[in-house]
Structures are given as C-alpha cells and as structure tokens.
Protein backbone atom coordinates (compact mmCIF):
# COMPACT_ATOMS: atom_id res chain seq x y z
CA MET A 1 -19.62 4.31 -1.84
CA LYS A 2 -17.81 7.63 -1.45
CA LEU A 3 -14.03 7.55 -1.19
CA ASP A 4 -11.89 10.44 0.01
CA VAL A 5 -9.44 11.52 -2.69
CA LYS A 6 -6.66 14.06 -3.13
CA GLU A 7 -5.16 15.25 -6.39
CA LEU A 8 -2.19 17.42 -7.34
CA PRO A 9 -1.92 18.63 -10.96
CA GLY A 10 1.13 17.86 -13.03
CA ASP A 11 2.63 15.91 -15.89
CA GLU A 12 1.59 12.44 -17.00
CA PRO A 13 1.88 9.59 -16.33
CA ALA A 14 0.18 10.18 -13.00
CA LEU A 15 1.55 8.85 -9.73
CA VAL A 16 -1.15 6.88 -7.90
CA PHE A 17 -0.43 6.22 -4.22
CA LEU A 18 -1.90 3.11 -2.56
CA HIS A 19 -1.62 3.15 1.23
CA GLU A 20 -0.84 0.45 3.79
CA GLY A 21 -3.24 -1.72 5.79
CA LEU A 22 -3.90 0.91 8.46
CA GLY A 23 -3.17 3.88 6.21
CA SER A 24 -5.03 6.79 4.66
CA ILE A 25 -4.30 9.87 2.59
CA GLU A 26 -2.96 11.76 5.62
CA LEU A 27 -0.80 8.90 6.87
CA TRP A 28 1.41 9.18 3.80
CA ARG A 29 2.55 12.39 5.56
CA ASP A 30 4.45 14.64 3.14
CA PHE A 31 5.93 11.91 0.96
CA PRO A 32 3.54 12.31 -2.02
CA ASP A 33 4.00 16.10 -1.93
CA ARG A 34 7.79 15.68 -1.96
CA VAL A 35 7.67 13.26 -4.89
CA HIS A 36 5.33 15.66 -6.67
CA ALA A 37 7.71 18.58 -6.07
CA ALA A 38 10.71 16.57 -7.26
CA THR A 39 9.10 15.18 -10.43
CA GLY A 40 6.36 17.60 -11.45
CA ARG A 41 4.05 14.63 -11.97
CA ARG A 42 0.32 14.55 -11.42
CA VAL A 43 -0.47 12.85 -8.09
CA PHE A 44 -3.61 10.95 -7.11
CA LEU A 45 -4.26 9.51 -3.64
CA TYR A 46 -7.31 7.97 -2.05
CA SER A 47 -8.29 6.36 1.23
CA ARG A 48 -9.76 2.91 0.68
CA ALA A 49 -13.20 2.06 2.06
CA GLY A 50 -12.98 1.92 5.85
CA HIS A 51 -9.93 4.19 5.96
CA GLY A 52 -9.47 7.90 6.57
CA GLN A 53 -12.61 9.85 5.74
CA SER A 54 -13.92 7.36 3.17
CA ASP A 55 -17.19 5.51 3.73
CA LEU A 56 -17.18 2.31 5.75
CA PRO A 57 -17.82 -1.01 3.98
CA ASP A 58 -20.90 -3.00 4.89
CA GLY A 59 -19.25 -6.37 5.45
CA ASN A 60 -15.96 -7.78 6.64
CA ARG A 61 -13.05 -8.57 4.39
CA THR A 62 -12.31 -11.90 2.79
CA PRO A 63 -8.94 -13.28 1.62
CA ARG A 64 -9.79 -11.77 -1.79
CA PHE A 65 -9.96 -8.20 -0.50
CA MET A 66 -6.75 -7.06 -2.21
CA HIS A 67 -7.80 -8.63 -5.50
CA GLU A 68 -11.16 -6.86 -5.24
CA GLU A 69 -9.43 -3.52 -4.63
CA ALA A 70 -6.94 -4.06 -7.46
CA LEU A 71 -9.29 -5.41 -10.10
CA ASP A 72 -12.65 -3.77 -9.27
CA VAL A 73 -12.20 -0.55 -7.27
CA LEU A 74 -8.92 0.81 -8.64
CA PRO A 75 -9.80 0.45 -12.37
CA ARG A 76 -13.07 2.29 -11.78
CA LEU A 77 -11.33 5.12 -9.92
CA LEU A 78 -8.67 5.49 -12.60
CA GLU A 79 -11.33 5.69 -15.31
CA GLU A 80 -13.38 8.21 -13.33
CA HIS A 81 -10.36 10.48 -12.95
CA GLY A 82 -9.04 10.07 -16.48
CA ILE A 83 -5.85 8.28 -15.51
CA GLU A 84 -4.24 5.92 -18.04
CA ARG A 85 -1.08 3.82 -17.54
CA PRO A 86 -0.28 5.23 -14.10
CA VAL A 87 2.79 4.78 -11.97
CA LEU A 88 1.52 2.86 -8.95
CA ILE A 89 3.32 3.66 -5.69
CA GLY A 90 2.14 1.20 -3.06
CA HIS A 91 3.06 0.62 0.56
CA SER A 92 2.55 -2.79 2.24
CA ASP A 93 -1.01 -3.93 1.38
CA GLY A 94 -1.06 -1.11 -1.16
CA ALA A 95 2.04 -2.56 -2.83
CA SER A 96 0.34 -5.94 -3.07
CA ILE A 97 -2.70 -4.27 -4.63
CA ALA A 98 -0.38 -2.56 -7.12
CA LEU A 99 1.12 -5.90 -8.15
CA ILE A 100 -2.26 -7.53 -8.65
CA HIS A 101 -3.53 -4.57 -10.69
CA ALA A 102 -0.42 -4.50 -12.88
CA SER A 103 -0.83 -8.18 -13.69
CA GLN A 104 -4.04 -7.41 -15.60
CA HIS A 105 -3.93 -3.69 -16.47
CA PRO A 106 -1.34 -1.49 -18.21
CA VAL A 107 0.85 0.59 -15.91
CA ASP A 108 3.91 2.71 -16.62
CA ARG A 109 5.96 1.62 -13.61
CA LEU A 110 5.65 0.16 -10.13
CA VAL A 111 7.19 1.49 -6.93
CA LEU A 112 6.69 -1.03 -4.13
CA LEU A 113 7.45 -0.15 -0.52
CA ALA A 114 7.55 -3.19 1.81
CA PRO A 115 5.28 -5.35 -0.37
CA HIS A 116 3.64 -8.63 0.64
CA VAL A 117 3.43 -11.54 -1.80
CA PHE A 118 2.82 -14.31 0.74
CA VAL A 119 2.20 -14.67 4.48
CA GLU A 120 5.17 -15.28 6.76
CA ASP A 121 5.34 -16.20 10.44
CA ILE A 122 6.95 -12.83 11.21
CA THR A 123 3.98 -11.09 9.58
CA VAL A 124 1.42 -12.95 11.68
CA ALA A 125 3.41 -12.45 14.89
CA SER A 126 3.66 -8.68 14.32
CA ILE A 127 -0.04 -8.40 13.48
CA GLU A 128 -0.90 -10.35 16.63
CA ALA A 129 1.30 -7.92 18.58
CA ALA A 130 -0.52 -5.01 16.96
CA ARG A 131 -3.83 -6.40 18.22
CA THR A 132 -2.48 -6.45 21.76
CA THR A 133 -1.19 -2.91 21.35
CA PHE A 134 -4.56 -1.73 20.07
CA GLU A 135 -6.38 -3.30 23.03
CA THR A 136 -3.97 -2.19 25.78
CA THR A 137 -2.64 1.23 24.74
CA ASP A 138 -3.88 4.54 23.34
CA LEU A 139 -3.48 3.36 19.73
CA LYS A 140 -7.22 3.65 19.09
CA ALA A 141 -7.21 7.27 20.23
CA ARG A 142 -4.21 8.05 18.04
CA MET A 143 -5.84 6.39 15.05
CA ALA A 144 -8.96 8.51 15.62
CA ARG A 145 -7.01 11.53 14.37
CA TYR A 146 -6.87 9.95 10.92
CA HIS A 147 -9.85 7.59 10.59
CA ARG A 148 -13.61 8.11 10.95
CA ASP A 149 -14.00 4.83 12.84
CA PRO A 150 -10.64 3.62 14.20
CA GLU A 151 -12.14 0.48 15.73
CA ARG A 152 -13.63 -0.59 12.40
CA THR A 153 -10.49 0.35 10.48
CA PHE A 154 -8.30 -1.70 12.78
CA ARG A 155 -10.55 -4.77 12.83
CA LEU A 156 -11.00 -4.79 9.05
CA TRP A 157 -7.23 -5.09 8.67
CA ASN A 158 -6.31 -7.15 11.72
CA ASP A 159 -9.09 -9.74 11.62
CA ILE A 160 -8.51 -10.87 8.04
CA TRP A 161 -4.73 -11.04 8.34
CA LEU A 162 -5.11 -13.22 11.45
CA ALA A 163 -7.87 -15.41 10.02
CA PRO A 164 -6.71 -19.04 9.64
CA GLU A 165 -7.83 -19.12 6.01
CA PHE A 166 -5.59 -16.15 5.20
CA ARG A 167 -2.40 -18.12 5.90
CA ALA A 168 -2.70 -19.57 2.39
CA TRP A 169 -2.86 -16.10 0.75
CA ASN A 170 -0.21 -15.89 -1.95
CA ILE A 171 0.08 -13.72 -5.08
CA GLU A 172 3.28 -15.16 -6.56
CA ASP A 173 1.14 -16.44 -9.43
CA VAL A 174 0.53 -12.87 -10.68
CA LEU A 175 4.21 -11.91 -10.84
CA PRO A 176 5.09 -13.51 -14.22
CA ARG A 177 2.36 -11.44 -15.89
CA ILE A 178 3.87 -8.10 -14.81
CA THR A 179 6.00 -6.42 -17.49
CA ALA A 180 6.32 -2.87 -16.12
CA PRO A 181 9.68 -1.69 -14.71
CA THR A 182 9.58 -2.25 -10.96
CA LEU A 183 11.41 -0.73 -7.99
CA VAL A 184 11.12 -2.59 -4.67
CA ILE A 185 12.24 -0.87 -1.46
CA GLN A 186 12.30 -2.69 1.87
CA GLY A 187 13.67 -1.90 5.30
CA SER A 188 16.35 -4.23 6.63
CA GLY A 189 14.49 -4.32 9.94
CA ASP A 190 10.98 -4.76 8.52
CA GLN A 191 8.91 -6.28 11.32
CA TYR A 192 6.17 -7.43 8.91
CA GLY A 193 8.21 -9.37 6.36
CA THR A 194 11.62 -10.74 5.48
CA LEU A 195 13.70 -10.05 2.40
CA ALA A 196 12.13 -13.16 0.86
CA GLN A 197 9.25 -10.88 -0.12
CA VAL A 198 11.61 -8.64 -2.11
CA GLU A 199 13.49 -11.54 -3.66
CA ALA A 200 10.27 -13.01 -5.03
CA ILE A 201 9.56 -9.89 -7.15
CA PRO A 202 11.53 -9.23 -10.36
CA GLY A 203 12.92 -5.72 -10.61
CA ARG A 204 15.34 -3.33 -8.99
CA HIS A 205 15.78 -4.07 -5.28
CA VAL A 206 16.83 -1.56 -2.61
CA VAL A 207 17.26 -2.37 1.08
CA LEU A 208 17.41 0.60 3.46
CA ASP A 209 18.08 1.04 7.16
CA ALA A 210 14.41 1.14 8.14
CA GLN A 211 11.52 -0.97 9.35
CA HIS A 212 8.16 -1.33 7.59
CA ALA A 213 7.81 2.27 6.37
CA PRO A 214 11.00 3.27 4.52
CA HIS A 215 9.38 6.42 3.12
CA LEU A 216 8.89 7.66 6.70
CA GLU A 217 11.88 6.07 8.46
CA ALA A 218 14.48 6.68 5.72
CA PRO A 219 12.74 9.48 3.80
CA GLU A 220 15.72 11.06 2.07
CA SER A 221 17.10 7.79 0.71
CA THR A 222 13.64 6.61 -0.31
CA LEU A 223 12.87 9.87 -2.09
CA GLU A 224 16.19 9.75 -3.92
CA HIS A 225 15.66 6.20 -5.16
CA VAL A 226 12.05 6.83 -6.18
CA THR A 227 12.69 10.07 -8.05
CA GLU A 228 15.72 8.62 -9.85
CA PHE A 229 13.64 5.60 -10.90
CA LEU A 230 10.86 7.84 -12.20
C-alpha cells in the first residue's frame, strides 16, 4: 500500500509527525515547517492509509487500528526511511499512536497534542456531532480539498469511534512502559477530551487557550513550548 510522505532534511533525531483522525500531511498546515525552521531537525510526515493522497484501505477499522498503526505500519516506515529513535509529534489519534509505539520501541522524545488514552462521554458526543455536520453541511466538499475520498476518510474515523465496542478502548496499560521525556499540550476548551487525558500521562503538561488543535489555535505558544522542549 502506497502512503504519501513528505520529508525535510536536517539534523537527527528526526521529528516524525503523526496526524489526527481526519488529518493528512497538508492539514498540519505550516506547523511542521515552523518547527523545522526553529530547530533545524529532519522532519518526516505521512498521511495514513485512507487519508490525504495515500491509498485507501480495503476493510474497515477495528478497535485495534491505532495499535496496528503504531506497532506494524510506523516501525516499517521508520526502517524504510532510515529513522532511528525519532521524536514523535502526534495530534489526537496520532498522539495515541505515538504513545503505543513508544511503549515498545525506542524514541528520543514525545510531543503529544490533545492525546486520547481512553474514551470519554465528551469525545463520543463531539464525534456524534461531527457526523451530523458531515451529513448536513459542506464538510465533505471541504474535506475533498485534502483527501482523495472524503466520504471514506470520514467514515473510517467516525464509524469506529462511535462503534459500541470502542467504548472500552483504553491505552493506560502502555503508559508505565514509556521512558522517553514527554510533553503533553492540551487546549482548555478541547471539545474531544477533558484534562483527565493529560493527567493520565506522565510528563510535562501544558494547557493553552485553545480547543482540540493547539498547534493551529494557539500556534505561537505551542511552537514556543515545543521548540523549548526539543
């Protein structure tokens, strides 16, 4: 399966960006470029299967989809691109994938933006609201600017998060196995999770005046915290 990737040359350890549940390379906007400019580090981004210009997966997702990405897909990509002990910078689902990966593979550091470690009522309610928005507004047309198949991209994310069996999803068991220095940034108004998500993760915690995308909604503060941590 072909995945769309983007690389910027620079110093090691490389910064590997893992996007959110409806994200892609382009939907990071200019944040990776700004971190690259501020740190001089090598940058690697990719759109997961079903996102951006990457190939579409054959089947639907299961509650193990983040484990599969973290433990099967990501290690293969890192090996293919000669990346060892990366800094993983993950947003939302991407942050959860970063945590799972770091529990079994060596990483230099973790930067987690609005991570999920368990499912909350606020998460489900916001994802249900997103389904209504997708079906009643021009969201599909707007997503088409960034994804090959916006309908498939949306359903892959939305259907599994709203599946009854996904309510039991929880990755708190991986946290004790993570030894890398960790920075967690969350918006005080995050509509997809409470501060309980942050409090569950050991590390440095930062709460900014933002919602679910602090790197886009509070970009200067987020950039400052990330670059100082690196």
